[in-house]
Amino acid sequence: VDCKQVIFAEELQVGQPYSILTGRYADLFRSTVSKYDSEAIGQCMWEISQNVEPVLQRHPWQLEYFLKELVELFRKEMAAGNIMIDSEETERVVRQLLLQTDWSCLLERLTKWFSEKIECYHNTITDQYREPIRAARRYIDIHYAEQLSLTQICGEVGFSYNYFSTLFKQETGQGITDYITQVRIAHAKELLVTTRDS
C-alpha cells in the first residue's frame, strides 16, 4: 500500500470510506485486545493485515478510515480494562502512521503502539494489586499468633478468598496458608534464640 496516496484522498474524492474491519476480523481484534496479551496482538495484526492489505491496495483512500476505526476499537477495549487513552493521542497516532510510506513499517509501528499500551495495562494492574498483598502480609505479621482465618485476611484487604488466594500466590510464589506457616516458624525460631540467650 502506498500510504502517501491517502493524504490526497479528500481532494480527489475517490470514494466514500466504508468499514473494512468487519465480522470475523473485528471480533478477532476485540477478543485479542481483551486478553491484554502483547504477543498475541502481533499475530492478530498480521492476520488482519493479510485481509486488509489487498483492499487497501485497490482503495488506498480507505487507509485513514481503517486506522481510525482500528485505533478507536482498541481504545474502547482498553477502556473496558480501565486504561484510558484520550482521543488526542489516538488522532496523533493515526497522523503519524499516515506518514509511513511502507505498509509493513506502518503495521509494525501500530503493533508496537498497541503492545506498549497493553504493557501499560499490565503495569497498572500489577501496581494496583501489590498494596492489598502488602496489607495482607502486614496483617499476618501482626496477628500471626492469633487464630487466623483466610476469610478474615481476605476481608481485611477487600477481596474474595478465591480471587485473593490466586493473586497472592502469583505475586509471592506461595499460598496464603504457606506464608502464615512461614511467618509462624520464623517467629518461633526467633523466640527460641531469645529464650536461650536469657
N, C-alpha and C. Protein backbone atom coordinates (compact mmCIF):
# COMPACT_ATOMS: atom_id res chain seq x y z
N VAL A 1 0.86 -1.17 0.00
CA VAL A 1 0.00 0.00 0.00
C VAL A 1 0.90 1.23 0.00
N ASP A 2 0.67 2.14 -0.91
CA ASP A 2 1.39 3.40 -0.93
C ASP A 2 0.61 4.37 -0.06
N CYS A 3 1.08 4.55 1.15
CA CYS A 3 0.35 5.33 2.15
C CYS A 3 0.24 6.81 1.80
N LYS A 4 1.13 7.31 0.97
CA LYS A 4 1.10 8.73 0.61
C LYS A 4 -0.14 9.06 -0.21
N GLN A 5 -0.71 8.10 -0.90
CA GLN A 5 -1.91 8.35 -1.69
C GLN A 5 -3.07 8.80 -0.81
N VAL A 6 -3.05 8.39 0.44
CA VAL A 6 -4.14 8.68 1.36
C VAL A 6 -4.26 10.17 1.63
N ILE A 7 -3.15 10.87 1.68
CA ILE A 7 -3.14 12.28 2.04
C ILE A 7 -4.04 13.09 1.12
N PHE A 8 -4.10 12.73 -0.15
CA PHE A 8 -4.88 13.47 -1.11
C PHE A 8 -6.27 12.90 -1.34
N ALA A 9 -6.68 11.96 -0.53
CA ALA A 9 -7.96 11.28 -0.73
C ALA A 9 -9.13 12.24 -0.73
N GLU A 10 -9.15 13.18 0.23
CA GLU A 10 -10.27 14.10 0.30
C GLU A 10 -10.31 15.02 -0.92
N GLU A 11 -9.13 15.47 -1.35
CA GLU A 11 -9.07 16.36 -2.51
C GLU A 11 -9.53 15.64 -3.77
N LEU A 12 -9.17 14.37 -3.88
CA LEU A 12 -9.51 13.60 -5.07
C LEU A 12 -10.96 13.11 -5.04
N GLN A 13 -11.51 13.00 -3.84
CA GLN A 13 -12.85 12.45 -3.65
C GLN A 13 -13.02 11.15 -4.43
N VAL A 14 -12.07 10.24 -4.16
CA VAL A 14 -12.01 8.97 -4.88
C VAL A 14 -13.18 8.07 -4.51
N GLY A 15 -13.58 8.09 -3.29
CA GLY A 15 -14.67 7.21 -2.87
C GLY A 15 -15.04 7.46 -1.43
N GLN A 16 -16.18 6.98 -1.05
CA GLN A 16 -16.65 7.12 0.32
C GLN A 16 -16.01 6.03 1.17
N PRO A 17 -15.56 6.40 2.39
CA PRO A 17 -14.98 5.38 3.27
C PRO A 17 -16.06 4.41 3.75
N TYR A 18 -15.66 3.18 3.93
CA TYR A 18 -16.54 2.15 4.48
C TYR A 18 -15.71 1.26 5.38
N SER A 19 -16.37 0.55 6.24
CA SER A 19 -15.68 -0.28 7.22
C SER A 19 -15.03 -1.49 6.56
N ILE A 20 -13.74 -1.62 6.77
CA ILE A 20 -13.01 -2.80 6.29
C ILE A 20 -12.93 -3.84 7.40
N LEU A 21 -12.85 -3.35 8.64
CA LEU A 21 -12.68 -4.21 9.80
C LEU A 21 -14.06 -4.68 10.28
N THR A 22 -14.57 -5.71 9.65
CA THR A 22 -15.90 -6.20 9.98
C THR A 22 -15.86 -7.67 10.37
N GLY A 23 -16.97 -8.11 10.92
CA GLY A 23 -17.19 -9.53 11.20
C GLY A 23 -16.07 -10.20 11.94
N ARG A 24 -15.56 -11.25 11.34
CA ARG A 24 -14.56 -12.11 11.96
C ARG A 24 -13.33 -11.35 12.42
N TYR A 25 -12.86 -10.39 11.62
CA TYR A 25 -11.63 -9.68 11.97
C TYR A 25 -11.85 -8.68 13.10
N ALA A 26 -13.00 -8.04 13.12
CA ALA A 26 -13.33 -7.14 14.23
C ALA A 26 -13.45 -7.96 15.52
N ASP A 27 -14.10 -9.10 15.45
CA ASP A 27 -14.25 -9.98 16.62
C ASP A 27 -12.89 -10.51 17.08
N LEU A 28 -12.06 -10.90 16.12
CA LEU A 28 -10.71 -11.39 16.45
C LEU A 28 -9.92 -10.30 17.17
N PHE A 29 -9.99 -9.08 16.65
CA PHE A 29 -9.25 -7.97 17.26
C PHE A 29 -9.76 -7.69 18.66
N ARG A 30 -11.07 -7.58 18.83
CA ARG A 30 -11.66 -7.32 20.15
C ARG A 30 -11.24 -8.40 21.14
N SER A 31 -11.36 -9.65 20.71
CA SER A 31 -11.03 -10.78 21.57
C SER A 31 -9.55 -10.76 21.98
N THR A 32 -8.68 -10.46 21.03
CA THR A 32 -7.25 -10.44 21.31
C THR A 32 -6.90 -9.30 22.26
N VAL A 33 -7.44 -8.12 22.01
CA VAL A 33 -7.15 -6.97 22.87
C VAL A 33 -7.66 -7.22 24.28
N SER A 34 -8.84 -7.83 24.40
CA SER A 34 -9.42 -8.05 25.73
C SER A 34 -8.61 -9.03 26.58
N LYS A 35 -7.72 -9.78 25.95
CA LYS A 35 -6.83 -10.69 26.69
C LYS A 35 -5.58 -9.97 27.20
N TYR A 36 -5.35 -8.77 26.71
CA TYR A 36 -4.20 -7.96 27.12
C TYR A 36 -2.88 -8.71 26.97
N ASP A 37 -2.72 -9.36 25.83
CA ASP A 37 -1.53 -10.15 25.53
C ASP A 37 -0.79 -9.48 24.38
N SER A 38 0.35 -8.85 24.70
CA SER A 38 1.07 -8.08 23.68
C SER A 38 1.65 -8.97 22.58
N GLU A 39 1.97 -10.22 22.88
CA GLU A 39 2.46 -11.12 21.83
C GLU A 39 1.33 -11.52 20.88
N ALA A 40 0.16 -11.79 21.44
CA ALA A 40 -0.98 -12.19 20.62
C ALA A 40 -1.44 -11.06 19.71
N ILE A 41 -1.23 -9.81 20.15
CA ILE A 41 -1.67 -8.68 19.32
C ILE A 41 -0.86 -8.64 18.02
N GLY A 42 0.40 -9.02 18.06
CA GLY A 42 1.23 -9.06 16.85
C GLY A 42 0.69 -10.08 15.86
N GLN A 43 0.35 -11.26 16.34
CA GLN A 43 -0.21 -12.29 15.47
C GLN A 43 -1.56 -11.86 14.90
N CYS A 44 -2.36 -11.25 15.73
CA CYS A 44 -3.67 -10.78 15.30
C CYS A 44 -3.52 -9.72 14.20
N MET A 45 -2.61 -8.78 14.41
CA MET A 45 -2.39 -7.73 13.42
C MET A 45 -1.90 -8.31 12.10
N TRP A 46 -1.05 -9.30 12.16
CA TRP A 46 -0.58 -9.94 10.93
C TRP A 46 -1.76 -10.56 10.18
N GLU A 47 -2.62 -11.27 10.91
CA GLU A 47 -3.77 -11.91 10.29
C GLU A 47 -4.73 -10.88 9.68
N ILE A 48 -4.97 -9.81 10.40
CA ILE A 48 -5.85 -8.75 9.89
C ILE A 48 -5.23 -8.12 8.64
N SER A 49 -3.91 -7.90 8.68
CA SER A 49 -3.25 -7.25 7.55
C SER A 49 -3.35 -8.09 6.28
N GLN A 50 -3.35 -9.40 6.43
CA GLN A 50 -3.48 -10.28 5.26
C GLN A 50 -4.82 -10.06 4.56
N ASN A 51 -5.83 -9.73 5.33
CA ASN A 51 -7.16 -9.47 4.79
C ASN A 51 -7.29 -8.03 4.28
N VAL A 52 -6.71 -7.09 5.00
CA VAL A 52 -6.92 -5.67 4.72
C VAL A 52 -6.01 -5.13 3.62
N GLU A 53 -4.79 -5.60 3.55
CA GLU A 53 -3.84 -5.04 2.58
C GLU A 53 -4.35 -5.09 1.14
N PRO A 54 -4.91 -6.21 0.68
CA PRO A 54 -5.42 -6.22 -0.70
C PRO A 54 -6.53 -5.18 -0.93
N VAL A 55 -7.38 -4.99 0.06
CA VAL A 55 -8.45 -4.00 -0.06
C VAL A 55 -7.85 -2.60 -0.16
N LEU A 56 -6.85 -2.33 0.67
CA LEU A 56 -6.23 -1.01 0.66
C LEU A 56 -5.43 -0.75 -0.61
N GLN A 57 -4.92 -1.80 -1.22
CA GLN A 57 -4.23 -1.62 -2.49
C GLN A 57 -5.20 -1.17 -3.59
N ARG A 58 -6.42 -1.69 -3.53
CA ARG A 58 -7.44 -1.30 -4.52
C ARG A 58 -8.07 0.05 -4.17
N HIS A 59 -8.15 0.35 -2.87
CA HIS A 59 -8.83 1.56 -2.39
C HIS A 59 -7.96 2.27 -1.35
N PRO A 60 -6.87 2.89 -1.77
CA PRO A 60 -5.94 3.47 -0.80
C PRO A 60 -6.53 4.58 0.06
N TRP A 61 -7.58 5.22 -0.42
CA TRP A 61 -8.21 6.28 0.38
C TRP A 61 -8.85 5.73 1.65
N GLN A 62 -8.98 4.41 1.74
CA GLN A 62 -9.58 3.77 2.91
C GLN A 62 -8.63 3.68 4.10
N LEU A 63 -7.33 3.88 3.88
CA LEU A 63 -6.35 3.66 4.94
C LEU A 63 -6.63 4.51 6.18
N GLU A 64 -6.85 5.78 6.00
CA GLU A 64 -7.08 6.64 7.16
C GLU A 64 -8.32 6.19 7.93
N TYR A 65 -9.38 5.87 7.23
CA TYR A 65 -10.62 5.41 7.88
C TYR A 65 -10.36 4.10 8.62
N PHE A 66 -9.65 3.19 7.98
CA PHE A 66 -9.32 1.90 8.61
C PHE A 66 -8.52 2.11 9.89
N LEU A 67 -7.49 2.96 9.84
CA LEU A 67 -6.66 3.20 11.01
C LEU A 67 -7.47 3.82 12.15
N LYS A 68 -8.30 4.81 11.82
CA LYS A 68 -9.13 5.43 12.85
C LYS A 68 -10.07 4.41 13.48
N GLU A 69 -10.65 3.57 12.64
CA GLU A 69 -11.57 2.55 13.12
C GLU A 69 -10.87 1.56 14.05
N LEU A 70 -9.70 1.11 13.64
CA LEU A 70 -8.94 0.12 14.42
C LEU A 70 -8.46 0.72 15.74
N VAL A 71 -7.92 1.93 15.69
CA VAL A 71 -7.42 2.57 16.91
C VAL A 71 -8.56 2.88 17.87
N GLU A 72 -9.71 3.28 17.34
CA GLU A 72 -10.87 3.55 18.20
C GLU A 72 -11.37 2.26 18.86
N LEU A 73 -11.40 1.18 18.11
CA LEU A 73 -11.81 -0.11 18.67
C LEU A 73 -10.84 -0.52 19.79
N PHE A 74 -9.56 -0.32 19.56
CA PHE A 74 -8.55 -0.62 20.57
C PHE A 74 -8.78 0.24 21.82
N ARG A 75 -9.01 1.54 21.61
CA ARG A 75 -9.23 2.47 22.73
C ARG A 75 -10.42 2.02 23.57
N LYS A 76 -11.50 1.60 22.93
CA LYS A 76 -12.69 1.15 23.67
C LYS A 76 -12.42 -0.13 24.45
N GLU A 77 -11.71 -1.07 23.85
CA GLU A 77 -11.38 -2.32 24.55
C GLU A 77 -10.47 -2.05 25.75
N MET A 78 -9.52 -1.15 25.61
CA MET A 78 -8.64 -0.82 26.72
C MET A 78 -9.41 -0.11 27.83
N ALA A 79 -10.37 0.72 27.46
CA ALA A 79 -11.19 1.41 28.45
C ALA A 79 -11.95 0.41 29.31
N ALA A 80 -12.33 -0.72 28.72
CA ALA A 80 -13.01 -1.77 29.49
C ALA A 80 -12.10 -2.31 30.60
N GLY A 81 -10.79 -2.22 30.41
CA GLY A 81 -9.82 -2.63 31.43
C GLY A 81 -9.31 -1.46 32.25
N ASN A 82 -10.03 -0.33 32.20
CA ASN A 82 -9.70 0.89 32.95
C ASN A 82 -8.39 1.54 32.52
N ILE A 83 -7.98 1.33 31.28
CA ILE A 83 -6.85 2.05 30.71
C ILE A 83 -7.43 3.06 29.73
N MET A 84 -7.35 4.31 30.09
CA MET A 84 -7.95 5.36 29.27
C MET A 84 -6.90 5.92 28.30
N ILE A 85 -7.27 5.98 27.06
CA ILE A 85 -6.44 6.57 26.02
C ILE A 85 -7.26 7.71 25.45
N ASP A 86 -6.73 8.92 25.53
CA ASP A 86 -7.54 10.05 25.08
C ASP A 86 -7.57 10.14 23.56
N SER A 87 -8.59 10.79 23.07
CA SER A 87 -8.80 10.87 21.62
C SER A 87 -7.70 11.68 20.94
N GLU A 88 -7.10 12.64 21.63
CA GLU A 88 -5.99 13.39 21.05
C GLU A 88 -4.81 12.48 20.74
N GLU A 89 -4.54 11.55 21.66
CA GLU A 89 -3.44 10.62 21.42
C GLU A 89 -3.74 9.72 20.23
N THR A 90 -4.97 9.22 20.15
CA THR A 90 -5.30 8.34 19.02
C THR A 90 -5.22 9.09 17.70
N GLU A 91 -5.66 10.34 17.69
CA GLU A 91 -5.56 11.15 16.47
C GLU A 91 -4.10 11.37 16.08
N ARG A 92 -3.25 11.64 17.08
CA ARG A 92 -1.82 11.83 16.82
C ARG A 92 -1.20 10.55 16.25
N VAL A 93 -1.56 9.42 16.82
CA VAL A 93 -1.03 8.14 16.35
C VAL A 93 -1.43 7.91 14.89
N VAL A 94 -2.69 8.15 14.57
CA VAL A 94 -3.15 7.95 13.19
C VAL A 94 -2.40 8.89 12.25
N ARG A 95 -2.23 10.15 12.64
CA ARG A 95 -1.49 11.10 11.79
C ARG A 95 -0.06 10.63 11.55
N GLN A 96 0.59 10.13 12.61
CA GLN A 96 1.97 9.64 12.47
C GLN A 96 2.02 8.40 11.58
N LEU A 97 1.04 7.54 11.72
CA LEU A 97 1.01 6.33 10.89
C LEU A 97 0.81 6.67 9.42
N LEU A 98 0.03 7.68 9.15
CA LEU A 98 -0.23 8.08 7.77
C LEU A 98 1.01 8.64 7.09
N LEU A 99 2.02 9.00 7.86
CA LEU A 99 3.27 9.48 7.29
C LEU A 99 4.15 8.33 6.80
N GLN A 100 3.82 7.13 7.21
CA GLN A 100 4.60 5.96 6.78
C GLN A 100 4.37 5.72 5.29
N THR A 101 5.43 5.37 4.60
CA THR A 101 5.32 5.11 3.16
C THR A 101 5.28 3.63 2.84
N ASP A 102 5.46 2.82 3.86
CA ASP A 102 5.52 1.38 3.65
C ASP A 102 4.52 0.68 4.57
N TRP A 103 3.73 -0.22 4.01
CA TRP A 103 2.70 -0.92 4.78
C TRP A 103 3.30 -1.70 5.94
N SER A 104 4.41 -2.39 5.73
CA SER A 104 4.99 -3.20 6.81
C SER A 104 5.51 -2.31 7.94
N CYS A 105 6.06 -1.14 7.62
CA CYS A 105 6.50 -0.20 8.67
C CYS A 105 5.31 0.33 9.45
N LEU A 106 4.25 0.67 8.73
CA LEU A 106 3.04 1.15 9.37
C LEU A 106 2.49 0.11 10.32
N LEU A 107 2.40 -1.11 9.85
CA LEU A 107 1.88 -2.21 10.65
C LEU A 107 2.76 -2.45 11.88
N GLU A 108 4.06 -2.38 11.70
CA GLU A 108 4.99 -2.58 12.81
C GLU A 108 4.83 -1.49 13.87
N ARG A 109 4.72 -0.23 13.44
CA ARG A 109 4.56 0.88 14.38
C ARG A 109 3.23 0.80 15.12
N LEU A 110 2.17 0.44 14.39
CA LEU A 110 0.86 0.32 15.02
C LEU A 110 0.86 -0.81 16.05
N THR A 111 1.43 -1.93 15.68
CA THR A 111 1.51 -3.07 16.60
C THR A 111 2.34 -2.72 17.82
N LYS A 112 3.42 -1.98 17.63
CA LYS A 112 4.27 -1.55 18.75
C LYS A 112 3.47 -0.64 19.69
N TRP A 113 2.69 0.29 19.14
CA TRP A 113 1.88 1.17 19.97
C TRP A 113 0.86 0.37 20.77
N PHE A 114 0.17 -0.59 20.11
CA PHE A 114 -0.78 -1.45 20.82
C PHE A 114 -0.07 -2.19 21.95
N SER A 115 1.10 -2.76 21.66
CA SER A 115 1.84 -3.53 22.68
C SER A 115 2.25 -2.66 23.86
N GLU A 116 2.68 -1.43 23.59
CA GLU A 116 3.06 -0.52 24.67
C GLU A 116 1.87 -0.22 25.58
N LYS A 117 0.71 -0.02 24.98
CA LYS A 117 -0.49 0.25 25.78
C LYS A 117 -0.89 -0.97 26.60
N ILE A 118 -0.73 -2.14 26.04
CA ILE A 118 -1.04 -3.38 26.77
C ILE A 118 -0.07 -3.54 27.94
N GLU A 119 1.21 -3.23 27.73
CA GLU A 119 2.19 -3.28 28.82
C GLU A 119 1.82 -2.28 29.91
N CYS A 120 1.33 -1.12 29.50
CA CYS A 120 0.87 -0.12 30.47
C CYS A 120 -0.25 -0.71 31.32
N TYR A 121 -1.16 -1.44 30.69
CA TYR A 121 -2.25 -2.11 31.42
C TYR A 121 -1.67 -3.06 32.46
N HIS A 122 -0.70 -3.89 32.05
CA HIS A 122 -0.12 -4.86 32.99
C HIS A 122 0.57 -4.15 34.16
N ASN A 123 1.27 -3.07 33.88
CA ASN A 123 1.94 -2.33 34.95
C ASN A 123 0.93 -1.73 35.92
N THR A 124 -0.17 -1.21 35.39
CA THR A 124 -1.22 -0.63 36.23
C THR A 124 -1.85 -1.68 37.12
N ILE A 125 -2.17 -2.82 36.53
CA ILE A 125 -2.79 -3.91 37.29
C ILE A 125 -1.84 -4.40 38.37
N THR A 126 -0.58 -4.58 38.02
CA THR A 126 0.40 -5.07 38.99
C THR A 126 0.51 -4.10 40.16
N ASP A 127 0.64 -2.80 39.88
CA ASP A 127 0.74 -1.81 40.94
C ASP A 127 -0.53 -1.76 41.78
N GLN A 128 -1.67 -1.88 41.12
CA GLN A 128 -2.96 -1.80 41.79
C GLN A 128 -3.15 -2.92 42.82
N TYR A 129 -2.59 -4.09 42.56
CA TYR A 129 -2.81 -5.23 43.45
C TYR A 129 -1.65 -5.52 44.39
N ARG A 130 -0.57 -4.81 44.27
CA ARG A 130 0.55 -5.03 45.20
C ARG A 130 0.20 -4.55 46.61
N GLU A 131 -0.47 -3.42 46.70
CA GLU A 131 -0.79 -2.87 48.03
C GLU A 131 -1.67 -3.80 48.85
N PRO A 132 -2.74 -4.39 48.28
CA PRO A 132 -3.52 -5.34 49.10
C PRO A 132 -2.69 -6.55 49.56
N ILE A 133 -1.75 -6.98 48.76
CA ILE A 133 -0.90 -8.10 49.16
C ILE A 133 0.02 -7.66 50.29
N ARG A 134 0.58 -6.46 50.18
CA ARG A 134 1.40 -5.92 51.28
C ARG A 134 0.58 -5.79 52.56
N ALA A 135 -0.66 -5.31 52.41
CA ALA A 135 -1.54 -5.15 53.57
C ALA A 135 -1.82 -6.51 54.23
N ALA A 136 -2.05 -7.53 53.41
CA ALA A 136 -2.30 -8.88 53.94
C ALA A 136 -1.06 -9.39 54.67
N ARG A 137 0.11 -9.15 54.10
CA ARG A 137 1.35 -9.60 54.76
C ARG A 137 1.55 -8.88 56.10
N ARG A 138 1.29 -7.57 56.11
CA ARG A 138 1.41 -6.81 57.37
C ARG A 138 0.44 -7.36 58.42
N TYR A 139 -0.80 -7.61 57.99
CA TYR A 139 -1.81 -8.13 58.90
C TYR A 139 -1.37 -9.48 59.47
N ILE A 140 -0.85 -10.35 58.64
CA ILE A 140 -0.38 -11.67 59.08
C ILE A 140 0.81 -11.51 60.03
N ASP A 141 1.74 -10.61 59.68
CA ASP A 141 2.92 -10.38 60.55
C ASP A 141 2.52 -9.89 61.94
N ILE A 142 1.46 -9.10 62.02
CA ILE A 142 1.00 -8.58 63.31
C ILE A 142 0.18 -9.62 64.08
N HIS A 143 -0.66 -10.37 63.39
CA HIS A 143 -1.62 -11.28 64.04
C HIS A 143 -1.24 -12.76 63.91
N TYR A 144 0.03 -13.05 63.64
CA TYR A 144 0.45 -14.44 63.39
C TYR A 144 0.16 -15.38 64.56
N ALA A 145 0.19 -14.86 65.78
CA ALA A 145 -0.01 -15.70 66.97
C ALA A 145 -1.48 -16.00 67.24
N GLU A 146 -2.37 -15.29 66.54
CA GLU A 146 -3.80 -15.50 66.72
C GLU A 146 -4.31 -16.58 65.77
N GLN A 147 -5.53 -17.01 66.03
CA GLN A 147 -6.20 -17.93 65.11
C GLN A 147 -6.59 -17.13 63.87
N LEU A 148 -5.90 -17.34 62.76
CA LEU A 148 -6.18 -16.58 61.54
C LEU A 148 -7.02 -17.41 60.57
N SER A 149 -8.06 -16.80 60.07
CA SER A 149 -8.82 -17.47 59.01
C SER A 149 -8.53 -16.76 57.70
N LEU A 150 -8.52 -17.52 56.64
CA LEU A 150 -8.26 -16.93 55.33
C LEU A 150 -9.36 -15.96 54.94
N THR A 151 -10.57 -16.24 55.35
CA THR A 151 -11.70 -15.35 55.09
C THR A 151 -11.48 -14.02 55.79
N GLN A 152 -10.98 -14.07 57.02
CA GLN A 152 -10.70 -12.86 57.79
C GLN A 152 -9.62 -12.02 57.09
N ILE A 153 -8.55 -12.64 56.63
CA ILE A 153 -7.47 -11.92 55.94
C ILE A 153 -7.99 -11.28 54.66
N CYS A 154 -8.77 -12.05 53.90
CA CYS A 154 -9.33 -11.53 52.65
C CYS A 154 -10.29 -10.37 52.91
N GLY A 155 -11.02 -10.46 54.01
CA GLY A 155 -11.91 -9.37 54.40
C GLY A 155 -11.13 -8.09 54.72
N GLU A 156 -9.96 -8.26 55.32
CA GLU A 156 -9.12 -7.10 55.65
C GLU A 156 -8.66 -6.34 54.41
N VAL A 157 -8.44 -7.07 53.32
CA VAL A 157 -7.94 -6.43 52.10
C VAL A 157 -9.04 -6.20 51.06
N GLY A 158 -10.25 -6.71 51.35
CA GLY A 158 -11.39 -6.42 50.48
C GLY A 158 -11.50 -7.25 49.21
N PHE A 159 -11.02 -8.48 49.25
CA PHE A 159 -11.13 -9.36 48.09
C PHE A 159 -11.78 -10.67 48.48
N SER A 160 -12.36 -11.35 47.51
CA SER A 160 -12.92 -12.67 47.78
C SER A 160 -11.76 -13.65 48.00
N TYR A 161 -12.05 -14.73 48.72
CA TYR A 161 -11.00 -15.69 49.05
C TYR A 161 -10.36 -16.29 47.79
N ASN A 162 -11.19 -16.80 46.88
CA ASN A 162 -10.64 -17.47 45.69
C ASN A 162 -9.78 -16.53 44.87
N TYR A 163 -10.26 -15.33 44.65
CA TYR A 163 -9.52 -14.38 43.83
C TYR A 163 -8.22 -13.98 44.52
N PHE A 164 -8.32 -13.63 45.81
CA PHE A 164 -7.14 -13.14 46.51
C PHE A 164 -6.10 -14.23 46.70
N SER A 165 -6.52 -15.45 46.96
CA SER A 165 -5.52 -16.50 47.16
C SER A 165 -4.75 -16.75 45.87
N THR A 166 -5.43 -16.66 44.72
CA THR A 166 -4.74 -16.80 43.42
C THR A 166 -3.79 -15.63 43.21
N LEU A 167 -4.25 -14.43 43.47
CA LEU A 167 -3.43 -13.23 43.32
C LEU A 167 -2.21 -13.28 44.24
N PHE A 168 -2.43 -13.69 45.49
CA PHE A 168 -1.35 -13.78 46.48
C PHE A 168 -0.28 -14.76 46.00
N LYS A 169 -0.72 -15.89 45.51
CA LYS A 169 0.23 -16.91 45.04
C LYS A 169 1.01 -16.43 43.82
N GLN A 170 0.33 -15.75 42.90
CA GLN A 170 1.02 -15.21 41.72
C GLN A 170 2.07 -14.20 42.11
N GLU A 171 1.75 -13.36 43.06
CA GLU A 171 2.65 -12.27 43.44
C GLU A 171 3.79 -12.73 44.34
N THR A 172 3.52 -13.67 45.26
CA THR A 172 4.54 -14.06 46.23
C THR A 172 5.18 -15.41 45.93
N GLY A 173 4.54 -16.21 45.10
CA GLY A 173 5.08 -17.53 44.79
C GLY A 173 4.67 -18.60 45.79
N GLN A 174 3.84 -18.25 46.75
CA GLN A 174 3.37 -19.23 47.73
C GLN A 174 1.94 -18.90 48.14
N GLY A 175 1.25 -19.90 48.63
CA GLY A 175 -0.13 -19.70 49.08
C GLY A 175 -0.18 -18.95 50.41
N ILE A 176 -1.35 -18.44 50.75
CA ILE A 176 -1.51 -17.68 52.00
C ILE A 176 -1.21 -18.56 53.21
N THR A 177 -1.73 -19.78 53.21
CA THR A 177 -1.51 -20.70 54.34
C THR A 177 -0.01 -20.98 54.51
N ASP A 178 0.69 -21.20 53.40
CA ASP A 178 2.14 -21.43 53.48
C ASP A 178 2.86 -20.20 54.03
N TYR A 179 2.39 -19.02 53.64
CA TYR A 179 3.01 -17.79 54.13
C TYR A 179 2.79 -17.65 55.64
N ILE A 180 1.58 -17.93 56.10
CA ILE A 180 1.29 -17.86 57.54
C ILE A 180 2.20 -18.83 58.30
N THR A 181 2.31 -20.04 57.79
CA THR A 181 3.17 -21.05 58.42
C THR A 181 4.62 -20.57 58.47
N GLN A 182 5.10 -20.00 57.38
CA GLN A 182 6.47 -19.50 57.31
C GLN A 182 6.70 -18.39 58.33
N VAL A 183 5.75 -17.49 58.47
CA VAL A 183 5.87 -16.39 59.45
C VAL A 183 5.88 -16.96 60.86
N ARG A 184 5.02 -17.91 61.14
CA ARG A 184 4.95 -18.50 62.48
C ARG A 184 6.25 -19.24 62.82
N ILE A 185 6.80 -19.96 61.86
CA ILE A 185 8.06 -20.68 62.10
C ILE A 185 9.19 -19.69 62.34
N ALA A 186 9.24 -18.61 61.56
CA ALA A 186 10.29 -17.59 61.74
C ALA A 186 10.20 -16.97 63.13
N HIS A 187 8.99 -16.66 63.58
CA HIS A 187 8.82 -16.07 64.92
C HIS A 187 9.16 -17.10 66.00
N ALA A 188 8.82 -18.36 65.79
CA ALA A 188 9.16 -19.41 66.75
C ALA A 188 10.67 -19.56 66.88
N LYS A 189 11.37 -19.54 65.75
CA LYS A 189 12.84 -19.63 65.77
C LYS A 189 13.44 -18.45 66.54
N GLU A 190 12.91 -17.27 66.27
CA GLU A 190 13.39 -16.06 66.95
C GLU A 190 13.15 -16.15 68.45
N LEU A 191 11.99 -16.68 68.81
CA LEU A 191 11.64 -16.85 70.23
C LEU A 191 12.58 -17.86 70.88
N LEU A 192 12.91 -18.95 70.19
CA LEU A 192 13.83 -19.94 70.73
C LEU A 192 15.23 -19.34 70.95
N VAL A 193 15.68 -18.55 70.03
CA VAL A 193 17.01 -17.92 70.15
C VAL A 193 17.02 -16.94 71.32
N THR A 194 16.01 -16.10 71.44
CA THR A 194 15.99 -15.11 72.52
C THR A 194 15.78 -15.76 73.88
N THR A 195 15.05 -16.89 73.93
CA THR A 195 14.81 -17.61 75.19
C THR A 195 16.10 -18.25 75.67
N ARG A 196 16.90 -18.84 74.78
CA ARG A 196 18.18 -19.48 75.14
C ARG A 196 19.18 -18.45 75.63
N ASP A 197 19.15 -17.28 75.02
CA ASP A 197 20.12 -16.24 75.38
C ASP A 197 19.87 -15.66 76.78
N SER A 198 18.63 -15.73 77.27
CA SER A 198 18.34 -15.12 78.56
C SER A 198 18.50 -16.05 79.71
